Amino acid sequence: MSADPTGGKPMITTTTQQFLMAVAILGLAVLVVMIIGFVHVPKENQTLFTALVGAIGGWVGATISFYFPSSVGARAKDEAIATMAAQISSTPPTVTTVTTETKKSPDTPLPEAAQPVHQGATI
């Protein structure tokens, strides 16, 4: 019998964590909407409150786009992946050999960087 690596505790998967975070963000957004409707924000806190509302709005937008991606883009991506997978599996690999040849005229001087370096010892 093998030992349980979690020690009997339930495991929380990445998908579960993402779902819980999405619920928390959307719950925070609902709370902010309720605050906007029922609580008067003092004039000196308006700027901070506006910045927080904008940040939470961005989080909500990212959460929605994560769970509901653009159907047109997602469909096109899925079709492209399926097409490439079909091409890869049905086409045998081809090997192309490319040979290059460099010819140097004996009269052509070497570039300065390729000139031989002569070092002599002085005694």
Protein backbone atom coordinates (compact mmCIF):
# COMPACT_ATOMS: atom_id res chain seq x y z
CA MET A 1 0.00 0.00 0.00
CA SER A 2 1.43 3.45 -0.91
CA ALA A 3 1.33 6.45 1.37
CA ASP A 4 -0.99 9.33 0.55
CA PRO A 5 1.25 12.34 -0.34
CA THR A 6 -1.39 14.82 0.81
CA GLY A 7 -1.76 13.22 4.24
CA GLY A 8 -5.49 12.70 3.70
CA LYS A 9 -6.13 16.40 2.97
CA PRO A 10 -8.17 17.25 -0.14
CA MET A 11 -6.03 18.59 -3.00
CA ILE A 12 -6.84 21.97 -4.54
CA THR A 13 -6.03 21.93 -8.23
CA THR A 14 -5.00 24.91 -10.34
CA THR A 15 -8.42 24.93 -11.98
CA THR A 16 -10.10 25.11 -8.59
CA GLN A 17 -7.80 27.95 -7.53
CA GLN A 18 -8.58 29.87 -10.72
CA PHE A 19 -12.30 29.38 -10.19
CA LEU A 20 -12.11 30.52 -6.55
CA MET A 21 -10.11 33.59 -7.55
CA ALA A 22 -12.67 34.44 -10.24
CA VAL A 23 -15.51 34.12 -7.73
CA ALA A 24 -13.62 36.35 -5.28
CA ILE A 25 -12.97 39.02 -7.93
CA LEU A 26 -16.56 39.03 -9.14
CA GLY A 27 -17.79 39.12 -5.53
CA LEU A 28 -15.52 42.11 -4.87
CA ALA A 29 -16.97 43.83 -7.93
CA VAL A 30 -20.52 43.27 -6.66
CA LEU A 31 -19.48 44.67 -3.28
CA VAL A 32 -18.02 47.79 -4.93
CA VAL A 33 -21.23 48.33 -6.91
CA MET A 34 -23.21 48.06 -3.67
CA ILE A 35 -20.87 50.54 -1.97
CA ILE A 36 -21.27 52.97 -4.85
CA GLY A 37 -25.06 52.76 -4.53
CA PHE A 38 -25.44 52.97 -0.76
CA VAL A 39 -22.39 54.64 0.79
CA HIS A 40 -21.34 58.24 0.41
CA VAL A 41 -17.61 58.51 -0.28
CA PRO A 42 -16.03 61.65 1.24
CA LYS A 43 -14.57 64.20 -1.18
CA GLU A 44 -10.98 63.64 0.06
CA ASN A 45 -11.25 59.88 -0.75
CA GLN A 46 -12.84 60.25 -4.21
CA THR A 47 -9.55 59.86 -6.12
CA LEU A 48 -8.53 56.72 -4.25
CA PHE A 49 -11.99 55.24 -4.62
CA THR A 50 -12.04 55.99 -8.36
CA ALA A 51 -8.65 54.29 -8.81
CA LEU A 52 -9.82 51.21 -6.90
CA VAL A 53 -13.00 50.97 -8.97
CA GLY A 54 -10.91 51.15 -12.17
CA ALA A 55 -8.53 48.42 -10.96
CA ILE A 56 -11.38 46.15 -9.93
CA GLY A 57 -13.06 46.78 -13.28
CA GLY A 58 -9.87 45.66 -15.03
CA TRP A 59 -9.76 42.49 -12.92
CA VAL A 60 -13.38 41.73 -13.80
CA GLY A 61 -12.64 42.24 -17.50
CA ALA A 62 -9.63 39.91 -17.34
CA THR A 63 -11.65 37.30 -15.46
CA ILE A 64 -14.47 37.39 -18.00
CA SER A 65 -12.06 37.20 -20.95
CA PHE A 66 -10.32 34.21 -19.33
CA TYR A 67 -13.52 32.21 -18.90
CA PHE A 68 -15.27 33.44 -22.06
CA PRO A 69 -12.65 34.03 -24.78
CA SER A 70 -13.60 35.46 -28.16
CA SER A 71 -15.49 32.68 -29.88
CA VAL A 72 -14.36 33.77 -33.35
CA GLY A 73 -10.67 33.83 -32.42
CA ALA A 74 -10.89 30.62 -30.40
CA ARG A 75 -12.65 28.81 -33.22
CA ALA A 76 -10.06 29.98 -35.79
CA LYS A 77 -7.23 28.92 -33.46
CA ASP A 78 -8.77 25.48 -32.91
CA GLU A 79 -9.23 24.97 -36.66
CA ALA A 80 -5.63 26.02 -37.38
CA ILE A 81 -4.30 23.63 -34.73
CA ALA A 82 -6.42 20.77 -36.09
CA THR A 83 -5.24 21.46 -39.65
CA MET A 84 -1.57 21.56 -38.62
CA ALA A 85 -1.93 18.38 -36.57
CA ALA A 86 -3.53 16.60 -39.55
CA GLN A 87 -0.75 17.78 -41.86
CA ILE A 88 1.96 16.66 -39.46
CA SER A 89 0.46 13.22 -38.90
CA SER A 90 -0.29 12.49 -42.60
CA THR A 91 2.83 13.88 -44.26
CA PRO A 92 6.14 12.02 -43.93
CA PRO A 93 9.04 14.26 -43.00
CA THR A 94 11.18 15.52 -45.86
CA VAL A 95 14.87 16.23 -45.67
CA THR A 96 16.43 18.90 -47.83
CA THR A 97 20.18 19.13 -48.19
CA VAL A 98 21.61 22.51 -49.01
CA THR A 99 25.25 22.84 -50.07
CA THR A 100 27.04 26.12 -50.24
CA GLU A 101 30.35 26.78 -51.88
CA THR A 102 32.51 29.81 -51.40
CA LYS A 103 35.09 30.66 -54.05
CA LYS A 104 37.84 33.13 -53.34
CA SER A 105 39.95 34.63 -56.04
CA PRO A 106 43.69 34.47 -55.25
CA ASP A 107 43.95 38.20 -55.99
CA THR A 108 41.23 39.18 -53.50
CA PRO A 109 42.80 40.44 -50.26
CA LEU A 110 41.52 39.12 -46.96
CA PRO A 111 39.40 41.46 -44.86
CA GLU A 112 41.33 43.22 -42.11
CA ALA A 113 39.77 41.05 -39.40
CA ALA A 114 40.94 37.90 -41.22
CA GLN A 115 44.56 39.02 -41.78
CA PRO A 116 47.09 36.72 -40.09
CA VAL A 117 48.63 38.12 -36.95
CA HIS A 118 52.44 37.79 -36.67
CA GLN A 119 53.80 38.04 -33.20
CA GLY A 120 57.53 37.98 -32.76
CA ALA A 121 59.37 37.52 -29.52
CA THR A 122 61.86 40.22 -28.70
CA ILE A 123 64.78 39.25 -26.49
